[in-house]
Protein backbone atom coordinates (compact mmCIF):
# COMPACT_ATOMS: atom_id res chain seq x y z
CA MET A 1 -8.95 84.90 114.37
CA LYS A 2 -6.32 83.05 112.01
CA THR A 3 -2.68 84.21 112.45
CA ASP A 4 -0.61 84.32 109.02
CA TRP A 5 1.94 82.42 108.43
CA ILE A 6 4.58 84.49 106.63
CA ARG A 7 8.45 83.60 105.61
CA ILE A 8 10.99 85.19 107.66
CA VAL A 9 12.31 87.07 104.50
CA ASP A 10 8.99 88.71 104.02
CA ALA A 11 8.66 89.57 107.77
CA ARG A 12 12.66 91.21 107.97
CA ALA A 13 11.00 94.06 105.31
CA GLN A 14 10.39 97.32 106.39
CA ASP A 15 6.73 97.18 104.79
CA ALA A 16 5.73 94.51 107.27
CA VAL A 17 5.95 96.75 110.47
CA GLY A 18 2.56 96.41 112.16
CA LYS A 19 1.43 92.91 110.88
CA ARG A 20 0.49 90.11 113.23
CA CYS A 21 1.64 87.17 111.76
CA GLU A 22 3.45 84.12 112.44
CA ILE A 23 6.81 82.72 112.09
CA ARG A 24 8.28 79.34 111.52
CA GLY A 25 11.54 78.36 111.97
CA TRP A 26 15.34 77.25 113.68
CA VAL A 27 16.76 79.10 116.65
CA ARG A 28 20.00 80.47 115.75
CA THR A 29 21.23 81.63 119.41
CA ARG A 30 18.73 82.92 122.38
CA ARG A 31 19.92 85.55 124.99
CA ASP A 32 18.15 86.45 128.18
CA SER A 33 18.01 90.20 129.08
CA LYS A 34 18.23 91.04 132.87
CA GLY A 35 14.68 93.09 131.90
CA GLY A 36 12.21 89.82 132.29
CA PHE A 37 12.68 88.73 128.51
CA SER A 38 14.52 86.69 126.13
CA PHE A 39 15.79 87.84 122.29
CA ILE A 40 15.78 84.88 120.04
CA GLU A 41 17.36 84.76 116.93
CA VAL A 42 15.34 82.65 114.00
CA ASN A 43 16.02 81.53 110.32
CA ASP A 44 13.90 79.81 108.12
CA GLY A 45 16.33 79.72 105.11
CA SER A 46 14.75 82.14 103.24
CA SER A 47 17.20 84.91 103.95
CA LEU A 48 20.65 85.41 105.15
CA GLY A 49 19.62 87.34 108.06
CA ASN A 50 18.01 86.01 111.01
CA LEU A 51 14.55 87.91 112.30
CA GLN A 52 14.73 88.85 116.45
CA ILE A 53 12.11 87.85 118.47
CA VAL A 54 11.41 89.57 121.57
CA ALA A 55 10.28 86.69 123.90
CA PRO A 56 8.39 88.34 127.55
CA ALA A 57 8.69 86.36 130.68
CA GLU A 58 4.63 86.76 130.65
CA LEU A 59 4.40 83.76 128.34
CA ALA A 60 3.04 80.71 129.59
CA ASN A 61 5.84 78.42 128.93
CA TYR A 62 8.60 81.47 129.20
CA ALA A 63 10.69 79.62 132.07
CA ASP A 64 9.96 75.80 131.33
CA GLU A 65 10.88 75.95 127.16
CA VAL A 66 11.77 79.81 126.01
CA GLN A 67 14.88 79.95 128.59
CA LYS A 68 16.01 76.32 127.33
CA LEU A 69 15.64 77.09 123.80
CA THR A 70 19.28 76.42 122.15
CA ALA A 71 20.78 75.88 118.97
CA GLY A 72 18.67 73.77 116.06
CA CYS A 73 15.15 74.11 118.22
CA SER A 74 12.39 74.51 115.89
CA VAL A 75 9.81 77.00 116.60
CA VAL A 76 6.58 78.25 115.95
CA ILE A 77 6.07 81.79 116.85
CA ALA A 78 3.35 84.32 116.69
CA GLY A 79 3.39 88.15 117.43
CA ASP A 80 3.56 91.60 116.23
CA LEU A 81 6.06 92.97 113.82
CA LEU A 82 7.31 96.52 115.06
CA GLU A 83 10.10 99.00 114.03
CA SER A 84 13.47 97.56 115.63
CA PRO A 85 15.14 99.86 117.40
CA ALA A 86 18.53 97.61 116.70
CA LYS A 87 20.74 98.16 113.91
CA GLY A 88 21.02 96.84 111.18
CA GLN A 89 17.15 95.36 111.03
CA ASP A 90 14.53 96.73 110.25
CA THR A 91 11.96 94.55 112.03
CA GLU A 92 11.62 92.71 115.34
CA LEU A 93 8.61 90.46 116.63
CA HIS A 94 7.28 90.64 120.03
CA ALA A 95 5.68 87.26 120.67
CA THR A 96 2.33 86.72 122.14
CA SER A 97 3.21 82.85 121.82
CA VAL A 98 6.20 80.25 121.44
CA ARG A 99 5.41 76.59 120.81
CA VAL A 100 8.48 74.32 120.43
CA LEU A 101 8.12 71.55 117.59
CA GLY A 102 11.67 70.19 118.13
CA TRP A 103 14.36 69.93 120.67
CA ALA A 104 18.33 69.57 120.11
CA ASP A 105 20.44 68.71 122.65
CA PRO A 106 23.23 71.41 123.10
CA ASP A 107 25.76 68.68 123.75
CA THR A 108 24.96 66.14 120.83
CA TYR A 109 24.12 69.22 117.88
CA PRO A 110 27.13 69.67 116.09
CA LEU A 111 26.21 73.28 114.60
CA GLN A 112 27.06 75.43 117.93
CA LYS A 113 27.95 79.08 117.68
CA LYS A 114 31.13 79.03 116.31
CA ARG A 115 33.36 78.50 113.17
CA HIS A 116 33.48 74.99 111.29
CA SER A 117 35.82 74.67 108.70
CA PHE A 118 34.08 73.61 105.60
CA GLU A 119 35.61 70.27 105.57
CA LYS A 120 34.44 69.58 108.59
CA LEU A 121 30.88 70.89 107.51
CA ARG A 122 31.46 68.14 104.99
CA GLU A 123 31.11 65.46 107.51
CA TRP A 124 27.39 66.93 108.58
CA ALA A 125 26.35 67.49 104.91
CA HIS A 126 22.61 67.21 106.31
CA LEU A 127 23.09 70.09 108.62
CA ARG A 128 25.31 72.16 106.64
CA PRO A 129 22.65 73.86 104.99
CA ARG A 130 21.85 75.53 107.92
CA THR A 131 25.07 77.65 108.23
CA ASN A 132 25.27 80.87 106.84
CA THR A 133 27.66 80.10 104.02
CA LEU A 134 25.77 76.78 102.85
CA GLY A 135 22.52 78.34 102.94
CA ALA A 136 23.64 81.66 100.56
CA VAL A 137 25.28 79.09 98.33
CA MET A 138 21.98 77.46 97.88
CA ARG A 139 19.91 80.50 97.41
CA VAL A 140 22.27 81.89 94.69
CA ARG A 141 22.46 78.00 93.18
CA ASN A 142 18.69 78.19 93.12
CA GLN A 143 18.70 81.75 91.63
CA ILE A 144 21.02 80.15 88.83
CA CYS A 145 19.00 77.44 87.68
CA GLN A 146 16.09 79.51 87.68
CA SER A 147 18.09 82.14 85.37
CA ILE A 148 19.04 79.50 83.26
CA HIS A 149 15.68 78.23 82.42
CA ASP A 150 14.34 81.82 81.83
CA PHE A 151 17.43 82.80 79.53
CA PHE A 152 16.73 79.99 76.96
CA HIS A 153 12.63 80.38 77.24
CA GLU A 154 13.30 83.64 76.32
CA ASN A 155 15.33 82.89 73.74
CA GLY A 156 13.39 80.19 71.63
CA PHE A 157 14.84 77.09 72.82
CA LEU A 158 12.97 73.98 74.32
CA TYR A 159 13.82 72.03 77.31
CA THR A 160 15.06 68.49 76.49
CA HIS A 161 15.68 65.81 79.03
CA THR A 162 18.70 63.52 77.74
CA PRO A 163 18.73 59.99 78.85
CA ILE A 164 21.08 59.58 81.72
CA ILE A 165 21.52 56.06 81.20
CA THR A 166 23.57 55.84 77.64
CA ALA A 167 25.88 53.38 75.73
CA SER A 168 27.62 56.52 73.82
CA ASP A 169 31.04 57.95 75.40
CA CYS A 170 30.45 61.62 74.17
CA GLU A 171 33.70 62.90 75.55
CA GLY A 172 35.66 59.86 73.97
CA ALA A 173 37.83 59.32 77.18
CA GLY A 174 36.07 56.45 78.72
CA GLU A 175 35.91 57.67 82.01
CA MET A 176 32.47 56.70 82.76
CA PHE A 177 30.37 54.71 85.22
CA ARG A 178 29.48 51.37 84.49
CA VAL A 179 25.65 50.70 84.53
CA THR A 180 24.82 47.24 85.25
CA SER A 181 22.19 44.64 87.11
CA LEU A 182 24.58 41.88 86.55
CA ASP A 183 26.11 40.22 89.88
CA LEU A 184 29.17 41.28 90.34
CA GLU A 185 30.32 38.60 93.19
CA MET A 186 28.83 36.00 91.18
CA LEU A 187 30.92 37.17 88.09
CA ALA A 188 34.17 37.57 89.75
CA LYS A 189 33.95 33.89 90.96
CA SER A 190 33.35 32.59 87.61
CA GLY A 191 36.60 34.15 86.42
CA GLY A 192 34.73 34.23 82.70
CA PRO A 193 34.14 36.87 80.47
CA VAL A 194 31.15 38.80 80.96
CA LYS A 195 28.00 37.98 79.34
CA TYR A 196 26.38 41.14 78.23
CA GLU A 197 23.21 39.53 77.08
CA TYR A 198 22.44 38.62 80.54
CA ASP A 199 22.55 42.14 81.26
CA PHE A 200 19.58 44.66 81.68
CA PHE A 201 20.11 46.44 78.50
CA ASP A 202 21.81 43.76 76.73
CA LYS A 203 24.73 45.73 75.93
CA PRO A 204 27.86 47.65 77.70
CA THR A 205 25.75 50.73 79.33
CA PHE A 206 26.97 54.17 81.27
CA LEU A 207 26.02 57.17 83.37
CA THR A 208 26.07 59.74 80.86
CA VAL A 209 29.11 62.34 80.33
CA SER A 210 27.02 64.53 78.34
CA GLY A 211 23.62 65.18 76.63
CA GLN A 212 25.15 66.73 73.36
CA LEU A 213 24.76 63.90 70.95
CA GLU A 214 21.52 62.86 72.01
CA GLY A 215 20.83 66.71 71.97
CA GLU A 216 21.88 67.34 68.62
CA THR A 217 19.43 65.19 67.49
CA TYR A 218 16.66 67.22 69.10
CA ALA A 219 18.35 70.51 67.93
CA THR A 220 17.79 68.71 64.17
CA ALA A 221 14.38 68.74 64.28
CA LEU A 222 13.11 71.02 66.44
CA GLY A 223 15.80 74.07 66.46
CA ARG A 224 16.65 75.11 69.46
CA ILE A 225 17.05 72.64 72.74
CA TYR A 226 18.83 72.88 75.58
CA THR A 227 19.54 69.60 78.52
CA PHE A 228 19.99 70.40 81.90
CA GLY A 229 20.51 67.48 84.41
CA PRO A 230 23.08 65.58 85.53
CA THR A 231 26.11 64.35 84.55
CA PHE A 232 28.93 61.72 85.67
CA ARG A 233 32.97 61.48 85.39
CA ALA A 234 34.92 58.23 86.85
CA GLU A 235 37.90 60.73 86.43
CA ASN A 236 39.65 59.62 89.54
CA SER A 237 40.34 63.63 90.48
CA ASN A 238 40.45 64.77 94.15
CA THR A 239 40.83 68.29 93.28
CA SER A 240 38.88 71.65 94.48
CA ARG A 241 37.00 71.93 91.01
CA HIS A 242 36.19 68.01 89.76
CA LEU A 243 33.23 66.24 91.26
CA ALA A 244 32.12 62.60 90.31
CA GLU A 245 28.49 63.64 89.62
CA PHE A 246 27.51 67.35 88.63
CA TRP A 247 24.57 69.47 86.98
CA MET A 248 25.50 70.56 83.21
CA VAL A 249 23.43 72.98 81.05
CA GLU A 250 24.05 72.22 77.35
CA PRO A 251 22.12 74.22 74.73
CA GLU A 252 22.28 73.14 70.84
CA ALA A 253 20.95 75.19 68.10
CA ALA A 254 20.50 74.27 64.37
CA PHE A 255 21.65 77.10 61.77
CA PHE A 256 24.28 78.25 64.26
CA ASP A 257 27.85 78.60 63.48
CA LEU A 258 30.49 79.21 65.93
CA ALA A 259 30.15 82.93 66.26
CA ASP A 260 26.69 82.21 67.09
CA ALA A 261 27.01 80.05 69.64
CA MET A 262 29.82 82.44 71.06
CA LYS A 263 27.29 85.45 71.27
CA LEU A 264 25.10 82.96 72.74
CA ALA A 265 27.23 82.02 75.70
CA GLU A 266 28.65 85.64 76.13
CA ASP A 267 24.92 86.91 76.39
CA PHE A 268 23.76 83.48 78.70
CA LEU A 269 26.73 84.18 81.59
CA LYS A 270 26.14 87.91 81.34
CA ARG A 271 22.36 87.21 82.38
CA ILE A 272 22.97 84.73 85.00
CA PHE A 273 25.54 86.92 86.38
CA THR A 274 23.22 90.11 86.34
CA ASP A 275 20.13 87.88 87.82
CA CYS A 276 22.28 86.77 90.78
CA LEU A 277 22.95 91.06 91.17
CA ASN A 278 19.58 91.86 91.03
CA HIS A 279 17.70 88.94 93.19
CA CYS A 280 20.52 87.76 95.33
CA ASP A 281 21.82 90.97 96.62
CA GLU A 282 21.93 90.16 101.01
CA ASP A 283 23.67 86.83 99.73
CA MET A 284 26.26 88.26 97.37
CA GLN A 285 27.20 91.07 99.72
CA PHE A 286 27.62 88.46 102.39
CA PHE A 287 30.31 86.52 99.68
CA ASN A 288 31.85 89.53 98.83
CA LYS A 289 32.64 90.53 102.64
CA MET A 290 33.42 86.80 104.10
CA ILE A 291 34.54 84.67 101.04
CA GLN A 292 36.21 86.40 98.60
CA LYS A 293 36.50 90.02 98.67
CA GLY A 294 36.28 92.06 95.05
CA VAL A 295 33.91 89.25 93.77
CA LEU A 296 31.32 91.41 93.18
CA ASP A 297 33.45 93.69 90.87
CA GLN A 298 34.44 90.34 89.42
CA ILE A 299 31.18 89.42 88.24
CA ARG A 300 30.27 93.18 87.08
CA SER A 301 33.83 93.00 85.21
CA VAL A 302 31.99 90.03 83.11
CA ILE A 303 28.79 91.87 82.82
CA GLU A 304 29.71 94.97 81.70
CA ARG A 305 32.50 94.77 79.45
CA PRO A 306 32.51 92.99 76.10
CA PHE A 307 34.49 89.36 75.78
CA GLY A 308 37.79 89.33 74.37
CA HIS A 309 38.39 87.11 71.43
CA MET A 310 41.64 84.94 70.55
CA THR A 311 42.76 81.86 68.54
CA TYR A 312 44.29 79.00 70.33
CA THR A 313 47.57 79.83 68.08
CA GLU A 314 47.12 83.37 69.00
CA ALA A 315 47.43 82.46 72.79
CA ILE A 316 50.43 80.22 72.57
CA LYS A 317 52.38 82.51 71.28
CA VAL A 318 51.51 85.12 74.10
CA LEU A 319 52.38 82.19 76.91
CA GLU A 320 55.66 80.92 75.20
CA THR A 321 56.54 84.68 75.42
CA CYS A 322 55.35 86.02 78.37
CA ASP A 323 57.52 86.13 81.51
CA ALA A 324 55.09 84.05 83.79
CA LYS A 325 57.07 80.61 85.19
CA PHE A 326 54.22 77.81 84.75
CA ASP A 327 54.22 74.32 86.36
CA TYR A 328 52.99 72.86 82.62
CA PRO A 329 55.07 73.88 79.37
CA VAL A 330 53.09 74.93 76.77
CA SER A 331 53.48 74.56 73.09
CA TRP A 332 51.67 74.01 70.01
CA GLY A 333 49.12 71.19 70.17
CA THR A 334 49.16 70.80 74.31
CA ASP A 335 46.05 71.11 75.78
CA LEU A 336 45.80 74.28 78.22
CA GLN A 337 45.70 74.34 81.95
CA ALA A 338 44.25 76.22 84.54
CA GLU A 339 47.42 78.41 84.68
CA HIS A 340 47.61 79.21 81.30
CA GLU A 341 44.06 80.12 81.04
CA ARG A 342 43.95 82.27 84.36
CA TYR A 343 46.83 83.93 83.11
CA LEU A 344 45.43 85.03 79.94
CA THR A 345 42.26 86.22 81.24
CA GLU A 346 43.32 87.74 84.33
CA HIS A 347 46.91 89.42 83.01
CA HIS A 348 46.75 89.00 79.28
CA VAL A 349 43.62 90.18 78.46
CA LYS A 350 42.41 91.47 82.07
CA GLY A 351 38.28 90.32 81.59
CA PRO A 352 36.78 87.43 79.69
CA VAL A 353 37.88 86.01 76.64
CA ILE A 354 37.14 83.28 74.41
CA LEU A 355 39.75 81.56 72.59
CA THR A 356 38.52 79.72 69.41
CA ASP A 357 40.04 77.23 66.59
CA TYR A 358 41.79 74.64 69.09
CA PRO A 359 43.92 71.76 67.52
CA SER A 360 41.81 68.96 66.10
CA SER A 361 44.32 66.12 68.36
CA ILE A 362 42.95 67.65 71.80
CA LYS A 363 39.55 67.88 70.79
CA PRO A 364 36.38 65.34 70.31
CA PHE A 365 35.46 63.86 67.10
CA TYR A 366 32.25 66.07 66.70
CA MET A 367 33.99 68.98 66.61
CA ARG A 368 34.02 70.50 62.83
CA VAL A 369 37.05 70.61 60.93
CA SER A 370 38.45 73.65 59.84
CA ASP A 371 39.86 74.27 56.35
CA ASP A 372 43.32 74.33 57.62
CA GLY A 373 42.68 70.75 58.07
CA ARG A 374 44.94 71.27 61.66
CA THR A 375 41.71 73.25 64.14
CA VAL A 376 38.44 72.86 64.75
CA ALA A 377 35.84 75.37 65.49
CA ALA A 378 35.94 74.79 69.12
CA MET A 379 35.56 77.61 71.98
CA ASP A 380 36.26 78.16 75.56
CA VAL A 381 35.00 80.90 77.54
CA LEU A 382 37.43 81.80 79.97
CA VAL A 383 36.87 84.32 83.16
CA PRO A 384 39.12 85.75 85.58
CA GLY A 385 39.82 83.71 88.96
CA VAL A 386 38.59 80.29 87.47
CA GLY A 387 39.88 80.06 83.81
CA GLU A 388 37.53 77.83 81.39
CA ILE A 389 33.73 78.07 82.26
CA ILE A 390 32.14 77.28 79.05
CA GLY A 391 33.62 74.86 76.53
CA GLY A 392 31.53 74.63 73.04
CA SER A 393 31.94 73.96 69.41
CA GLN A 394 30.41 74.21 65.85
CA ARG A 395 29.79 70.15 65.45
CA GLU A 396 30.66 68.37 62.32
CA GLU A 397 27.89 68.42 59.67
CA ARG A 398 29.46 67.08 56.99
CA LEU A 399 29.08 63.10 56.91
CA ASP A 400 32.32 62.17 55.30
CA VAL A 401 34.33 64.33 57.60
CA LEU A 402 32.82 62.98 61.04
CA THR A 403 33.38 59.49 59.72
CA GLY A 404 36.86 60.12 59.06
CA ARG A 405 37.38 61.67 62.55
CA MET A 406 35.51 58.82 64.05
CA GLU A 407 37.94 56.35 62.60
CA GLU A 408 41.12 58.48 63.59
CA ALA A 409 39.47 58.22 67.29
CA ARG A 410 38.83 54.53 67.04
CA LEU A 411 34.98 54.45 67.61
CA ASP A 412 32.80 51.79 66.46
CA LYS A 413 30.29 53.36 63.56
CA ALA A 414 28.19 50.91 64.04
CA ASP A 415 27.16 51.98 67.83
CA TYR A 416 26.74 55.44 66.40
CA GLY A 417 24.69 54.92 63.20
CA TRP A 418 21.90 56.87 65.07
CA TYR A 419 24.35 59.95 65.19
CA LEU A 420 25.44 59.40 61.85
CA ASP A 421 22.04 59.57 60.50
CA LEU A 422 21.69 63.36 61.50
CA ARG A 423 24.19 63.91 58.48
CA ARG A 424 22.42 61.92 56.05
CA PHE A 425 18.95 62.89 56.16
CA GLY A 426 18.89 66.92 56.03
CA THR A 427 22.05 67.72 57.34
CA VAL A 428 22.51 71.35 58.61
CA PRO A 429 25.05 73.08 60.68
CA HIS A 430 24.49 73.33 64.34
CA ALA A 431 26.53 74.53 67.31
CA GLY A 432 26.25 74.78 71.00
CA PHE A 433 28.12 74.62 74.30
CA GLY A 434 28.16 73.44 78.07
CA LEU A 435 28.33 75.13 81.27
CA GLY A 436 29.27 73.08 84.27
CA LEU A 437 26.46 74.72 87.06
CA GLU A 438 28.68 73.84 90.17
CA ARG A 439 31.52 75.57 88.20
CA ALA A 440 29.19 78.97 87.57
CA VAL A 441 28.26 78.57 91.41
CA GLN A 442 31.68 78.62 92.84
CA TYR A 443 32.09 81.52 90.44
CA VAL A 444 29.50 84.07 91.51
CA THR A 445 30.02 83.04 95.32
CA GLY A 446 33.94 82.90 95.69
CA MET A 447 33.63 79.62 97.00
CA THR A 448 37.08 78.02 96.72
CA ASN A 449 36.14 74.23 96.60
CA ILE A 450 33.67 72.87 94.20
CA ARG A 451 32.30 70.27 96.97
CA ASP A 452 30.41 73.16 98.90
CA VAL A 453 28.31 74.38 96.02
CA ILE A 454 26.48 71.04 95.77
CA PRO A 455 24.10 69.73 98.49
CA PHE A 456 25.89 66.07 98.81
CA PRO A 457 29.05 65.88 96.84
CA ARG A 458 30.31 62.66 95.30
CA THR A 459 33.92 62.46 94.69
CA PRO A 460 36.93 59.73 94.71
CA GLY A 461 36.24 57.19 97.86
CA ASN A 462 33.56 59.57 98.80
CA ALA A 463 29.51 58.97 98.42
CA GLU A 464 28.03 59.63 101.88
CA PHE A 465 23.86 60.32 102.44
């Protein structure tokens, strides 16, 4: 009779007791008992916890293989799931057969039973998901991605794929990776100007920094859309908060104003955080104990409390008159730094807060200009421990105002004719925001470095794997 293969997360459940099954995974540890059997801890990535295997000496390959198992070996083990007498586990598998699929030389396998720094683990990015921490990070990341799709589908948003290769600089900062098929070595030797007519797209093209502008085109036809994909910033920044390649979700909705976008952002964050607590309990308990004590309470405070609201002008007054000492001076018209944002959310509001109405001079051209002519209908959602986690705005739907803003930003209107057409043909108020997936994963898990919440981090000077 064929034995059913089940995942370890299911084998560890109390209701699995009494089942005859097969598990497949990688050895974490092995210790031999004087009683004539071995205890093997096996993990298959489906849960944080391992399954304990009790392997008796009567197994045909006990001396030749079982007693030679070390960390990293891959195995297929069949047996009976019994209630475990050990504390902290409901079940254990009493093996009737152990088959070794792949050996891992203990002299060369890096992930031996000792603590490694996260910095060291980045050198083994192909192996680090086998560790407790990175495995838990990836399960939580997966849950957040699933929750993102669930939330927007339930709220009538269509998932739209915007281009990764683009000719438009959404942010206007110029920090973009160029895409070309030209022979750069030959070009350098020639010493002449770039002839884009010989390039693949016949014009300068780049990796996208945002899908927002293209997303607006579909929002003004389909009503509500969201993009969710990789984005790229050629920003030479070596910090714990920046990546050159990251994933971003960007909803865009026609007939939404700034207030609608703020409510959507609050509901969205509460949903994905709630789902992490409900569906990743074991992993979240691990983060609360081993990575950041209090991270569960921090997340619950975002879920349970209504978000506060302040204008940028009100925030500046608070920062100018508070007793805190900042590394970066603050005054009206300056962009807020992480230290300012964290003071507002952690000390002044003591909870999540949405800042609105930023000076137009520090915001991109597409944000709607307010009646005062000095500010735009922009918003940033700030949360304790991180600062900004979401940025968004109501978009400028008035053609004359938008073209004026583009002139101020010295953008060539000919390059944005398609974007201006959205204001020429049936323009409507619309709004949206962006959430960096990795920032959200950092916040939920308490991981301090953004390079440890993405499978293969891309940063200045690093494109390994």
